[in-house]
Amino acid sequence: LEDPNQAVIWRGPLISGAIKQFYEDVHWGILDYLIVDLPPG
């Protein structure tokens, strides 16, 4: 985000798509551990 205080006002499908992209489209390289911080609930 250009402004870290900007609200992300997305419905469920967009949120789910972003999470999948963060796993599939990010070049994490070689990791022993990937810790995923989930939202509550």
PDB file of all heavy atoms in Angstrom:
ATOM      1  N   LEU A   1       0.829  -1.206   0.000  1.00  0.00           N
ATOM      2  CA  LEU A   1       0.000   0.000   0.000  1.00  0.00           C
ATOM      3  C   LEU A   1       0.863   1.255   0.000  1.00  0.00           C
ATOM      4  O   LEU A   1       1.910   1.305   0.651  1.00  0.00           O
ATOM      5  CB  LEU A   1      -0.914   0.013   1.238  1.00  0.00           C
ATOM      6  CG  LEU A   1      -1.881  -1.166   1.402  1.00  0.00           C
ATOM      7  CD1 LEU A   1      -2.638  -1.038   2.721  1.00  0.00           C
ATOM      8  CD2 LEU A   1      -2.840  -1.240   0.224  1.00  0.00           C
ATOM      9  N   GLU A   2       0.431   2.271  -0.734  1.00  0.00           N
ATOM     10  CA  GLU A   2       1.144   3.551  -0.714  1.00  0.00           C
ATOM     11  C   GLU A   2       1.064   4.195   0.658  1.00  0.00           C
ATOM     12  O   GLU A   2       2.009   4.809   1.134  1.00  0.00           O
ATOM     13  CB  GLU A   2       0.555   4.490  -1.776  1.00  0.00           C
ATOM     14  CG  GLU A   2       0.888   4.089  -3.205  1.00  0.00           C
ATOM     15  CD  GLU A   2       2.384   4.067  -3.472  1.00  0.00           C
ATOM     16  OE1 GLU A   2       3.102   4.924  -2.910  1.00  0.00           O
ATOM     17  OE2 GLU A   2       2.841   3.175  -4.221  1.00  0.00           O
ATOM     18  N   ASP A   3      -0.088   4.059   1.308  1.00  0.00           N
ATOM     19  CA  ASP A   3      -0.300   4.593   2.652  1.00  0.00           C
ATOM     20  C   ASP A   3      -0.612   3.427   3.576  1.00  0.00           C
ATOM     21  O   ASP A   3      -1.646   2.767   3.435  1.00  0.00           O
ATOM     22  CB  ASP A   3      -1.457   5.596   2.650  1.00  0.00           C
ATOM     23  CG  ASP A   3      -1.723   6.187   4.037  1.00  0.00           C
ATOM     24  OD1 ASP A   3      -0.982   5.843   4.985  1.00  0.00           O
ATOM     25  OD2 ASP A   3      -2.670   6.985   4.162  1.00  0.00           O
ATOM     26  N   PRO A   4       0.255   3.126   4.559  1.00  0.00           N
ATOM     27  CA  PRO A   4       0.011   1.991   5.443  1.00  0.00           C
ATOM     28  C   PRO A   4      -1.246   2.134   6.290  1.00  0.00           C
ATOM     29  O   PRO A   4      -1.735   1.150   6.853  1.00  0.00           O
ATOM     30  CB  PRO A   4       1.267   1.952   6.323  1.00  0.00           C
ATOM     31  CG  PRO A   4       1.844   3.324   6.240  1.00  0.00           C
ATOM     32  CD  PRO A   4       1.506   3.822   4.876  1.00  0.00           C
ATOM     33  N   ASN A   5      -1.785   3.363   6.379  1.00  0.00           N
ATOM     34  CA  ASN A   5      -3.020   3.580   7.136  1.00  0.00           C
ATOM     35  C   ASN A   5      -4.278   3.391   6.285  1.00  0.00           C
ATOM     36  O   ASN A   5      -5.395   3.509   6.780  1.00  0.00           O
ATOM     37  CB  ASN A   5      -3.025   4.996   7.732  1.00  0.00           C
ATOM     38  CG  ASN A   5      -1.891   5.203   8.725  1.00  0.00           C
ATOM     39  OD1 ASN A   5      -1.696   4.380   9.616  1.00  0.00           O
ATOM     40  ND2 ASN A   5      -1.142   6.277   8.559  1.00  0.00           N
ATOM     41  N   GLN A   6      -4.073   3.113   4.998  1.00  0.00           N
ATOM     42  CA  GLN A   6      -5.204   2.905   4.095  1.00  0.00           C
ATOM     43  C   GLN A   6      -5.943   1.623   4.442  1.00  0.00           C
ATOM     44  O   GLN A   6      -5.341   0.571   4.636  1.00  0.00           O
ATOM     45  CB  GLN A   6      -4.695   2.838   2.647  1.00  0.00           C
ATOM     46  CG  GLN A   6      -5.758   2.585   1.606  1.00  0.00           C
ATOM     47  CD  GLN A   6      -5.155   2.444   0.215  1.00  0.00           C
ATOM     48  OE1 GLN A   6      -4.007   2.836  -0.004  1.00  0.00           O
ATOM     49  NE2 GLN A   6      -5.906   1.876  -0.706  1.00  0.00           N
ATOM     50  N   ALA A   7      -7.272   1.713   4.525  1.00  0.00           N
ATOM     51  CA  ALA A   7      -8.074   0.529   4.846  1.00  0.00           C
ATOM     52  C   ALA A   7      -8.195  -0.383   3.629  1.00  0.00           C
ATOM     53  O   ALA A   7      -8.326   0.090   2.502  1.00  0.00           O
ATOM     54  CB  ALA A   7      -9.467   0.952   5.317  1.00  0.00           C
ATOM     55  N   VAL A   8      -8.126  -1.678   3.867  1.00  0.00           N
ATOM     56  CA  VAL A   8      -8.349  -2.672   2.813  1.00  0.00           C
ATOM     57  C   VAL A   8      -9.786  -3.157   2.959  1.00  0.00           C
ATOM     58  O   VAL A   8     -10.099  -3.979   3.814  1.00  0.00           O
ATOM     59  CB  VAL A   8      -7.355  -3.844   2.940  1.00  0.00           C
ATOM     60  CG1 VAL A   8      -7.615  -4.877   1.851  1.00  0.00           C
ATOM     61  CG2 VAL A   8      -5.921  -3.336   2.876  1.00  0.00           C
ATOM     62  N   ILE A   9     -10.664  -2.617   2.117  1.00  0.00           N
ATOM     63  CA  ILE A   9     -12.096  -2.919   2.220  1.00  0.00           C
ATOM     64  C   ILE A   9     -12.443  -3.909   1.120  1.00  0.00           C
ATOM     65  O   ILE A   9     -12.875  -3.535   0.025  1.00  0.00           O
ATOM     66  CB  ILE A   9     -12.942  -1.631   2.115  1.00  0.00           C
ATOM     67  CG1 ILE A   9     -12.417  -0.572   3.104  1.00  0.00           C
ATOM     68  CG2 ILE A   9     -14.413  -1.923   2.405  1.00  0.00           C
ATOM     69  CD1 ILE A   9     -13.065   0.787   2.964  1.00  0.00           C
ATOM     70  N   TRP A  10     -12.206  -5.171   1.408  1.00  0.00           N
ATOM     71  CA  TRP A  10     -12.403  -6.223   0.424  1.00  0.00           C
ATOM     72  C   TRP A  10     -13.382  -7.269   0.947  1.00  0.00           C
ATOM     73  O   TRP A  10     -13.447  -7.530   2.144  1.00  0.00           O
ATOM     74  CB  TRP A  10     -11.078  -6.931   0.123  1.00  0.00           C
ATOM     75  CG  TRP A  10     -10.088  -6.121  -0.643  1.00  0.00           C
ATOM     76  CD1 TRP A  10     -10.279  -4.897  -1.201  1.00  0.00           C
ATOM     77  CD2 TRP A  10      -8.734  -6.491  -0.937  1.00  0.00           C
ATOM     78  NE1 TRP A  10      -9.139  -4.473  -1.828  1.00  0.00           N
ATOM     79  CE2 TRP A  10      -8.170  -5.437  -1.684  1.00  0.00           C
ATOM     80  CE3 TRP A  10      -7.954  -7.596  -0.648  1.00  0.00           C
ATOM     81  CZ2 TRP A  10      -6.865  -5.459  -2.140  1.00  0.00           C
ATOM     82  CZ3 TRP A  10      -6.650  -7.633  -1.098  1.00  0.00           C
ATOM     83  CH2 TRP A  10      -6.105  -6.573  -1.843  1.00  0.00           C
ATOM     84  N   ARG A  11     -14.100  -7.863   0.004  1.00  0.00           N
ATOM     85  CA  ARG A  11     -14.948  -8.995   0.356  1.00  0.00           C
ATOM     86  C   ARG A  11     -14.116 -10.276   0.376  1.00  0.00           C
ATOM     87  O   ARG A  11     -12.979 -10.307  -0.062  1.00  0.00           O
ATOM     88  CB  ARG A  11     -16.111  -9.118  -0.631  1.00  0.00           C
ATOM     89  CG  ARG A  11     -17.080  -7.942  -0.578  1.00  0.00           C
ATOM     90  CD  ARG A  11     -18.328  -8.224  -1.401  1.00  0.00           C
ATOM     91  NE  ARG A  11     -19.220  -7.077  -1.420  1.00  0.00           N
ATOM     92  CZ  ARG A  11     -20.134  -6.819  -0.493  1.00  0.00           C
ATOM     93  NH1 ARG A  11     -20.265  -7.647   0.539  1.00  0.00           N
ATOM     94  NH2 ARG A  11     -20.909  -5.763  -0.576  1.00  0.00           N
ATOM     95  N   GLY A  12     -14.738 -11.341   0.882  1.00  0.00           N
ATOM     96  CA  GLY A  12     -14.048 -12.608   1.088  1.00  0.00           C
ATOM     97  C   GLY A  12     -13.266 -13.138  -0.090  1.00  0.00           C
ATOM     98  O   GLY A  12     -12.094 -13.510   0.060  1.00  0.00           O
ATOM     99  N   PRO A  13     -13.835 -13.180  -1.304  1.00  0.00           N
ATOM    100  CA  PRO A  13     -13.089 -13.741  -2.443  1.00  0.00           C
ATOM    101  C   PRO A  13     -11.799 -12.995  -2.751  1.00  0.00           C
ATOM    102  O   PRO A  13     -10.791 -13.614  -3.098  1.00  0.00           O
ATOM    103  CB  PRO A  13     -14.097 -13.630  -3.599  1.00  0.00           C
ATOM    104  CG  PRO A  13     -15.428 -13.669  -2.943  1.00  0.00           C
ATOM    105  CD  PRO A  13     -15.247 -12.931  -1.655  1.00  0.00           C
ATOM    106  N   LEU A  14     -11.813 -11.662  -2.631  1.00  0.00           N
ATOM    107  CA  LEU A  14     -10.599 -10.886  -2.889  1.00  0.00           C
ATOM    108  C   LEU A  14      -9.539 -11.168  -1.826  1.00  0.00           C
ATOM    109  O   LEU A  14      -8.348 -11.286  -2.122  1.00  0.00           O
ATOM    110  CB  LEU A  14     -10.921  -9.392  -2.920  1.00  0.00           C
ATOM    111  CG  LEU A  14     -11.559  -8.842  -4.205  1.00  0.00           C
ATOM    112  CD1 LEU A  14     -11.861  -7.370  -4.047  1.00  0.00           C
ATOM    113  CD2 LEU A  14     -10.644  -9.070  -5.399  1.00  0.00           C
ATOM    114  N   ILE A  15      -9.976 -11.276  -0.569  1.00  0.00           N
ATOM    115  CA  ILE A  15      -9.044 -11.573   0.515  1.00  0.00           C
ATOM    116  C   ILE A  15      -8.413 -12.949   0.312  1.00  0.00           C
ATOM    117  O   ILE A  15      -7.205 -13.124   0.434  1.00  0.00           O
ATOM    118  CB  ILE A  15      -9.771 -11.493   1.880  1.00  0.00           C
ATOM    119  CG1 ILE A  15     -10.176 -10.044   2.173  1.00  0.00           C
ATOM    120  CG2 ILE A  15      -8.893 -12.049   3.004  1.00  0.00           C
ATOM    121  CD1 ILE A  15     -11.034  -9.875   3.407  1.00  0.00           C
ATOM    122  N   SER A  16      -9.252 -13.918  -0.032  1.00  0.00           N
ATOM    123  CA  SER A  16      -8.749 -15.274  -0.264  1.00  0.00           C
ATOM    124  C   SER A  16      -7.755 -15.296  -1.421  1.00  0.00           C
ATOM    125  O   SER A  16      -6.717 -15.975  -1.363  1.00  0.00           O
ATOM    126  CB  SER A  16      -9.911 -16.222  -0.557  1.00  0.00           C
ATOM    127  OG  SER A  16     -10.783 -16.307   0.556  1.00  0.00           O
ATOM    128  N   GLY A  17      -8.055 -14.540  -2.484  1.00  0.00           N
ATOM    129  CA  GLY A  17      -7.157 -14.483  -3.636  1.00  0.00           C
ATOM    130  C   GLY A  17      -5.811 -13.880  -3.277  1.00  0.00           C
ATOM    131  O   GLY A  17      -4.767 -14.347  -3.746  1.00  0.00           O
ATOM    132  N   ALA A  18      -5.832 -12.838  -2.435  1.00  0.00           N
ATOM    133  CA  ALA A  18      -4.574 -12.200  -2.038  1.00  0.00           C
ATOM    134  C   ALA A  18      -3.715 -13.153  -1.223  1.00  0.00           C
ATOM    135  O   ALA A  18      -2.490 -13.226  -1.406  1.00  0.00           O
ATOM    136  CB  ALA A  18      -4.868 -10.942  -1.227  1.00  0.00           C
ATOM    137  N   ILE A  19      -4.337 -13.915  -0.321  1.00  0.00           N
ATOM    138  CA  ILE A  19      -3.574 -14.866   0.498  1.00  0.00           C
ATOM    139  C   ILE A  19      -2.930 -15.927  -0.381  1.00  0.00           C
ATOM    140  O   ILE A  19      -1.759 -16.277  -0.207  1.00  0.00           O
ATOM    141  CB  ILE A  19      -4.497 -15.511   1.551  1.00  0.00           C
ATOM    142  CG1 ILE A  19      -4.944 -14.462   2.565  1.00  0.00           C
ATOM    143  CG2 ILE A  19      -3.783 -16.659   2.257  1.00  0.00           C
ATOM    144  CD1 ILE A  19      -5.989 -14.948   3.534  1.00  0.00           C
ATOM    145  N   LYS A  20      -3.674 -16.442  -1.353  1.00  0.00           N
ATOM    146  CA  LYS A  20      -3.116 -17.456  -2.255  1.00  0.00           C
ATOM    147  C   LYS A  20      -1.945 -16.886  -3.050  1.00  0.00           C
ATOM    148  O   LYS A  20      -0.934 -17.559  -3.279  1.00  0.00           O
ATOM    149  CB  LYS A  20      -4.207 -17.977  -3.188  1.00  0.00           C
ATOM    150  CG  LYS A  20      -5.260 -18.831  -2.496  1.00  0.00           C
ATOM    151  CD  LYS A  20      -6.334 -19.282  -3.445  1.00  0.00           C
ATOM    152  CE  LYS A  20      -5.827 -20.289  -4.448  1.00  0.00           C
ATOM    153  NZ  LYS A  20      -6.909 -20.826  -5.300  1.00  0.00           N
ATOM    154  N   GLN A  21      -2.074 -15.616  -3.473  1.00  0.00           N
ATOM    155  CA  GLN A  21      -0.978 -14.982  -4.213  1.00  0.00           C
ATOM    156  C   GLN A  21       0.269 -14.829  -3.348  1.00  0.00           C
ATOM    157  O   GLN A  21       1.391 -15.011  -3.826  1.00  0.00           O
ATOM    158  CB  GLN A  21      -1.412 -13.616  -4.733  1.00  0.00           C
ATOM    159  CG  GLN A  21      -2.237 -13.676  -6.006  1.00  0.00           C
ATOM    160  CD  GLN A  21      -2.400 -12.296  -6.600  1.00  0.00           C
ATOM    161  OE1 GLN A  21      -3.084 -11.443  -6.048  1.00  0.00           O
ATOM    162  NE2 GLN A  21      -1.760 -12.064  -7.724  1.00  0.00           N
ATOM    163  N   PHE A  22       0.070 -14.505  -2.065  1.00  0.00           N
ATOM    164  CA  PHE A  22       1.217 -14.333  -1.175  1.00  0.00           C
ATOM    165  C   PHE A  22       1.978 -15.642  -0.995  1.00  0.00           C
ATOM    166  O   PHE A  22       3.172 -15.621  -0.690  1.00  0.00           O
ATOM    167  CB  PHE A  22       0.762 -13.803   0.187  1.00  0.00           C
ATOM    168  CG  PHE A  22       0.445 -12.336   0.194  1.00  0.00           C
ATOM    169  CD1 PHE A  22      -0.126 -11.746   1.306  1.00  0.00           C
ATOM    170  CD2 PHE A  22       0.723 -11.542  -0.903  1.00  0.00           C
ATOM    171  CE1 PHE A  22      -0.416 -10.393   1.328  1.00  0.00           C
ATOM    172  CE2 PHE A  22       0.441 -10.190  -0.905  1.00  0.00           C
ATOM    173  CZ  PHE A  22      -0.133  -9.619   0.222  1.00  0.00           C
ATOM    174  N   TYR A  23       1.308 -16.754  -1.167  1.00  0.00           N
ATOM    175  CA  TYR A  23       2.001 -18.035  -1.081  1.00  0.00           C
ATOM    176  C   TYR A  23       2.552 -18.457  -2.441  1.00  0.00           C
ATOM    177  O   TYR A  23       3.720 -18.846  -2.556  1.00  0.00           O
ATOM    178  CB  TYR A  23       1.071 -19.118  -0.539  1.00  0.00           C
ATOM    179  CG  TYR A  23       1.695 -20.496  -0.574  1.00  0.00           C
ATOM    180  CD1 TYR A  23       2.758 -20.808   0.262  1.00  0.00           C
ATOM    181  CD2 TYR A  23       1.247 -21.464  -1.467  1.00  0.00           C
ATOM    182  CE1 TYR A  23       3.360 -22.061   0.225  1.00  0.00           C
ATOM    183  CE2 TYR A  23       1.844 -22.714  -1.514  1.00  0.00           C
ATOM    184  CZ  TYR A  23       2.890 -23.012  -0.662  1.00  0.00           C
ATOM    185  OH  TYR A  23       3.477 -24.246  -0.717  1.00  0.00           O
ATOM    186  N   GLU A  24       1.735 -18.359  -3.489  1.00  0.00           N
ATOM    187  CA  GLU A  24       2.102 -18.914  -4.789  1.00  0.00           C
ATOM    188  C   GLU A  24       2.976 -17.988  -5.630  1.00  0.00           C
ATOM    189  O   GLU A  24       3.824 -18.458  -6.399  1.00  0.00           O
ATOM    190  CB  GLU A  24       0.834 -19.259  -5.577  1.00  0.00           C
ATOM    191  CG  GLU A  24      -0.003 -20.357  -4.931  1.00  0.00           C
ATOM    192  CD  GLU A  24      -1.312 -20.581  -5.650  1.00  0.00           C
ATOM    193  OE1 GLU A  24      -1.628 -19.793  -6.577  1.00  0.00           O
ATOM    194  OE2 GLU A  24      -2.034 -21.528  -5.292  1.00  0.00           O
ATOM    195  N   ASP A  25       2.763 -16.677  -5.530  1.00  0.00           N
ATOM    196  CA  ASP A  25       3.438 -15.741  -6.423  1.00  0.00           C
ATOM    197  C   ASP A  25       4.631 -15.040  -5.788  1.00  0.00           C
ATOM    198  O   ASP A  25       5.289 -14.228  -6.439  1.00  0.00           O
ATOM    199  CB  ASP A  25       2.453 -14.672  -6.919  1.00  0.00           C
ATOM    200  CG  ASP A  25       1.336 -15.275  -7.760  1.00  0.00           C
ATOM    201  OD1 ASP A  25       1.419 -16.478  -8.062  1.00  0.00           O
ATOM    202  OD2 ASP A  25       0.386 -14.551  -8.102  1.00  0.00           O
ATOM    203  N   VAL A  26       4.897 -15.320  -4.529  1.00  0.00           N
ATOM    204  CA  VAL A  26       6.056 -14.723  -3.860  1.00  0.00           C
ATOM    205  C   VAL A  26       7.219 -15.697  -3.924  1.00  0.00           C
ATOM    206  O   VAL A  26       7.069 -16.887  -3.639  1.00  0.00           O
ATOM    207  CB  VAL A  26       5.727 -14.383  -2.389  1.00  0.00           C
ATOM    208  CG1 VAL A  26       6.986 -13.959  -1.641  1.00  0.00           C
ATOM    209  CG2 VAL A  26       4.692 -13.269  -2.332  1.00  0.00           C
ATOM    210  N   HIS A  27       8.377 -15.192  -4.333  1.00  0.00           N
ATOM    211  CA  HIS A  27       9.566 -16.036  -4.434  1.00  0.00           C
ATOM    212  C   HIS A  27      10.230 -16.116  -3.059  1.00  0.00           C
ATOM    213  O   HIS A  27      11.153 -15.360  -2.741  1.00  0.00           O
ATOM    214  CB  HIS A  27      10.524 -15.462  -5.476  1.00  0.00           C
ATOM    215  CG  HIS A  27      11.694 -16.362  -5.730  1.00  0.00           C
ATOM    216  ND1 HIS A  27      12.878 -15.905  -6.244  1.00  0.00           N
ATOM    217  CD2 HIS A  27      11.861 -17.685  -5.529  1.00  0.00           C
ATOM    218  CE1 HIS A  27      13.721 -16.906  -6.351  1.00  0.00           C
ATOM    219  NE2 HIS A  27      13.130 -17.994  -5.912  1.00  0.00           N
ATOM    220  N   TRP A  28       9.744 -17.054  -2.237  1.00  0.00           N
ATOM    221  CA  TRP A  28      10.269 -17.226  -0.889  1.00  0.00           C
ATOM    222  C   TRP A  28      11.661 -17.860  -0.902  1.00  0.00           C
ATOM    223  O   TRP A  28      12.428 -17.715   0.048  1.00  0.00           O
ATOM    224  CB  TRP A  28       9.326 -18.091  -0.058  1.00  0.00           C
ATOM    225  CG  TRP A  28       8.000 -17.471   0.222  1.00  0.00           C
ATOM    226  CD1 TRP A  28       6.813 -17.720  -0.407  1.00  0.00           C
ATOM    227  CD2 TRP A  28       7.717 -16.466   1.210  1.00  0.00           C
ATOM    228  NE1 TRP A  28       5.807 -16.947   0.125  1.00  0.00           N
ATOM    229  CE2 TRP A  28       6.335 -16.168   1.120  1.00  0.00           C
ATOM    230  CE3 TRP A  28       8.487 -15.805   2.166  1.00  0.00           C
ATOM    231  CZ2 TRP A  28       5.713 -15.245   1.942  1.00  0.00           C
ATOM    232  CZ3 TRP A  28       7.875 -14.873   2.990  1.00  0.00           C
ATOM    233  CH2 TRP A  28       6.509 -14.594   2.874  1.00  0.00           C
ATOM    234  N   GLY A  29      11.967 -18.624  -1.949  1.00  0.00           N
ATOM    235  CA  GLY A  29      13.263 -19.297  -2.022  1.00  0.00           C
ATOM    236  C   GLY A  29      13.303 -20.515  -1.123  1.00  0.00           C
ATOM    237  O   GLY A  29      12.320 -21.249  -0.982  1.00  0.00           O
ATOM    238  N   ILE A  30      14.432 -20.737  -0.472  1.00  0.00           N
ATOM    239  CA  ILE A  30      14.619 -21.895   0.399  1.00  0.00           C
ATOM    240  C   ILE A  30      14.380 -21.473   1.842  1.00  0.00           C
ATOM    241  O   ILE A  30      15.081 -20.603   2.374  1.00  0.00           O
ATOM    242  CB  ILE A  30      16.038 -22.469   0.241  1.00  0.00           C
ATOM    243  CG1 ILE A  30      16.284 -22.874  -1.212  1.00  0.00           C
ATOM    244  CG2 ILE A  30      16.246 -23.664   1.170  1.00  0.00           C
ATOM    245  CD1 ILE A  30      17.701 -23.322  -1.497  1.00  0.00           C
ATOM    246  N   LEU A  31      13.387 -22.076   2.482  1.00  0.00           N
ATOM    247  CA  LEU A  31      13.046 -21.769   3.869  1.00  0.00           C
ATOM    248  C   LEU A  31      12.952 -23.050   4.685  1.00  0.00           C
ATOM    249  O   LEU A  31      12.460 -24.068   4.213  1.00  0.00           O
ATOM    250  CB  LEU A  31      11.698 -21.039   3.958  1.00  0.00           C
ATOM    251  CG  LEU A  31      11.562 -19.650   3.340  1.00  0.00           C
ATOM    252  CD1 LEU A  31      10.131 -19.146   3.516  1.00  0.00           C
ATOM    253  CD2 LEU A  31      12.553 -18.668   3.962  1.00  0.00           C
ATOM    254  N   ASP A  32      13.418 -22.965   5.926  1.00  0.00           N
ATOM    255  CA  ASP A  32      13.161 -24.053   6.870  1.00  0.00           C
ATOM    256  C   ASP A  32      11.741 -23.932   7.418  1.00  0.00           C
ATOM    257  O   ASP A  32      11.054 -24.932   7.609  1.00  0.00           O
ATOM    258  CB  ASP A  32      14.166 -24.000   8.024  1.00  0.00           C
ATOM    259  CG  ASP A  32      15.590 -24.268   7.555  1.00  0.00           C
ATOM    260  OD1 ASP A  32      15.796 -25.309   6.911  1.00  0.00           O
ATOM    261  OD2 ASP A  32      16.474 -23.433   7.819  1.00  0.00           O
ATOM    262  N   TYR A  33      11.318 -22.685   7.677  1.00  0.00           N
ATOM    263  CA  TYR A  33       9.987 -22.438   8.227  1.00  0.00           C
ATOM    264  C   TYR A  33       9.333 -21.233   7.547  1.00  0.00           C
ATOM    265  O   TYR A  33       9.980 -20.201   7.354  1.00  0.00           O
ATOM    266  CB  TYR A  33      10.054 -22.138   9.731  1.00  0.00           C
ATOM    267  CG  TYR A  33      10.384 -23.345  10.579  1.00  0.00           C
ATOM    268  CD1 TYR A  33      11.692 -23.600  10.975  1.00  0.00           C
ATOM    269  CD2 TYR A  33       9.384 -24.236  10.992  1.00  0.00           C
ATOM    270  CE1 TYR A  33      12.009 -24.707  11.753  1.00  0.00           C
ATOM    271  CE2 TYR A  33       9.687 -25.336  11.771  1.00  0.00           C
ATOM    272  CZ  TYR A  33      10.993 -25.568  12.145  1.00  0.00           C
ATOM    273  OH  TYR A  33      11.290 -26.669  12.912  1.00  0.00           O
ATOM    274  N   LEU A  34       8.070 -21.386   7.194  1.00  0.00           N
ATOM    275  CA  LEU A  34       7.228 -20.257   6.812  1.00  0.00           C
ATOM    276  C   LEU A  34       6.129 -20.162   7.861  1.00  0.00           C
ATOM    277  O   LEU A  34       5.313 -21.081   8.013  1.00  0.00           O
ATOM    278  CB  LEU A  34       6.612 -20.452   5.425  1.00  0.00           C
ATOM    279  CG  LEU A  34       5.650 -19.353   4.973  1.00  0.00           C
ATOM    280  CD1 LEU A  34       6.365 -18.007   4.862  1.00  0.00           C
ATOM    281  CD2 LEU A  34       4.983 -19.710   3.639  1.00  0.00           C
ATOM    282  N   ILE A  35       6.127 -19.067   8.620  1.00  0.00           N
ATOM    283  CA  ILE A  35       5.112 -18.833   9.641  1.00  0.00           C
ATOM    284  C   ILE A  35       4.007 -17.993   9.017  1.00  0.00           C
ATOM    285  O   ILE A  35       4.272 -16.941   8.440  1.00  0.00           O
ATOM    286  CB  ILE A  35       5.711 -18.106  10.866  1.00  0.00           C
ATOM    287  CG1 ILE A  35       6.935 -18.863  11.400  1.00  0.00           C
ATOM    288  CG2 ILE A  35       4.649 -17.933  11.947  1.00  0.00           C
ATOM    289  CD1 ILE A  35       6.658 -20.269  11.832  1.00  0.00           C
ATOM    290  N   VAL A  36       2.756 -18.463   9.144  1.00  0.00           N
ATOM    291  CA  VAL A  36       1.614 -17.771   8.562  1.00  0.00           C
ATOM    292  C   VAL A  36       0.769 -17.208   9.697  1.00  0.00           C
ATOM    293  O   VAL A  36       0.229 -17.960  10.515  1.00  0.00           O
ATOM    294  CB  VAL A  36       0.764 -18.712   7.690  1.00  0.00           C
ATOM    295  CG1 VAL A  36      -0.378 -17.936   7.033  1.00  0.00           C
ATOM    296  CG2 VAL A  36       1.626 -19.388   6.631  1.00  0.00           C
ATOM    297  N   ASP A  37       0.673 -15.885   9.750  1.00  0.00           N
ATOM    298  CA  ASP A  37      -0.135 -15.219  10.774  1.00  0.00           C
ATOM    299  C   ASP A  37      -1.563 -15.085  10.258  1.00  0.00           C
ATOM    300  O   ASP A  37      -1.840 -14.279   9.369  1.00  0.00           O
ATOM    301  CB  ASP A  37       0.463 -13.844  11.099  1.00  0.00           C
ATOM    302  CG  ASP A  37      -0.362 -13.086  12.132  1.00  0.00           C
ATOM    303  OD1 ASP A  37      -0.943 -13.750  13.010  1.00  0.00           O
ATOM    304  OD2 ASP A  37      -0.415 -11.847  12.054  1.00  0.00           O
ATOM    305  N   LEU A  38      -2.475 -15.883  10.813  1.00  0.00           N
ATOM    306  CA  LEU A  38      -3.864 -15.880  10.356  1.00  0.00           C
ATOM    307  C   LEU A  38      -4.690 -14.830  11.079  1.00  0.00           C
ATOM    308  O   LEU A  38      -4.397 -14.507  12.239  1.00  0.00           O
ATOM    309  CB  LEU A  38      -4.500 -17.254  10.598  1.00  0.00           C
ATOM    310  CG  LEU A  38      -4.168 -18.376   9.618  1.00  0.00           C
ATOM    311  CD1 LEU A  38      -4.871 -19.655  10.033  1.00  0.00           C
ATOM    312  CD2 LEU A  38      -4.587 -17.992   8.219  1.00  0.00           C
ATOM    313  N   PRO A  39      -5.739 -14.311  10.442  1.00  0.00           N
ATOM    314  CA  PRO A  39      -6.674 -13.457  11.168  1.00  0.00           C
ATOM    315  C   PRO A  39      -7.450 -14.292  12.178  1.00  0.00           C
ATOM    316  O   PRO A  39      -7.514 -15.520  12.052  1.00  0.00           O
ATOM    317  CB  PRO A  39      -7.595 -12.919  10.069  1.00  0.00           C
ATOM    318  CG  PRO A  39      -7.522 -13.940   8.987  1.00  0.00           C
ATOM    319  CD  PRO A  39      -6.131 -14.490   9.038  1.00  0.00           C
ATOM    320  N   PRO A  40      -8.044 -13.664  13.187  1.00  0.00           N
ATOM    321  CA  PRO A  40      -8.786 -14.444  14.179  1.00  0.00           C
ATOM    322  C   PRO A  40     -10.056 -15.052  13.592  1.00  0.00           C
ATOM    323  O   PRO A  40     -10.595 -14.576  12.594  1.00  0.00           O
ATOM    324  CB  PRO A  40      -9.119 -13.410  15.262  1.00  0.00           C
ATOM    325  CG  PRO A  40      -9.070 -12.087  14.559  1.00  0.00           C
ATOM    326  CD  PRO A  40      -8.015 -12.228  13.505  1.00  0.00           C
ATOM    327  N   GLY A  41     -10.503 -16.123  14.217  1.00  0.00           N
ATOM    328  CA  GLY A  41     -11.779 -16.724  13.829  1.00  0.00           C
ATOM    329  C   GLY A  41     -11.643 -17.798  12.766  1.00  0.00           C
ATOM    330  O   GLY A  41     -10.554 -18.266  12.441  1.00  0.00           O
TER     331      GLY A  41
END
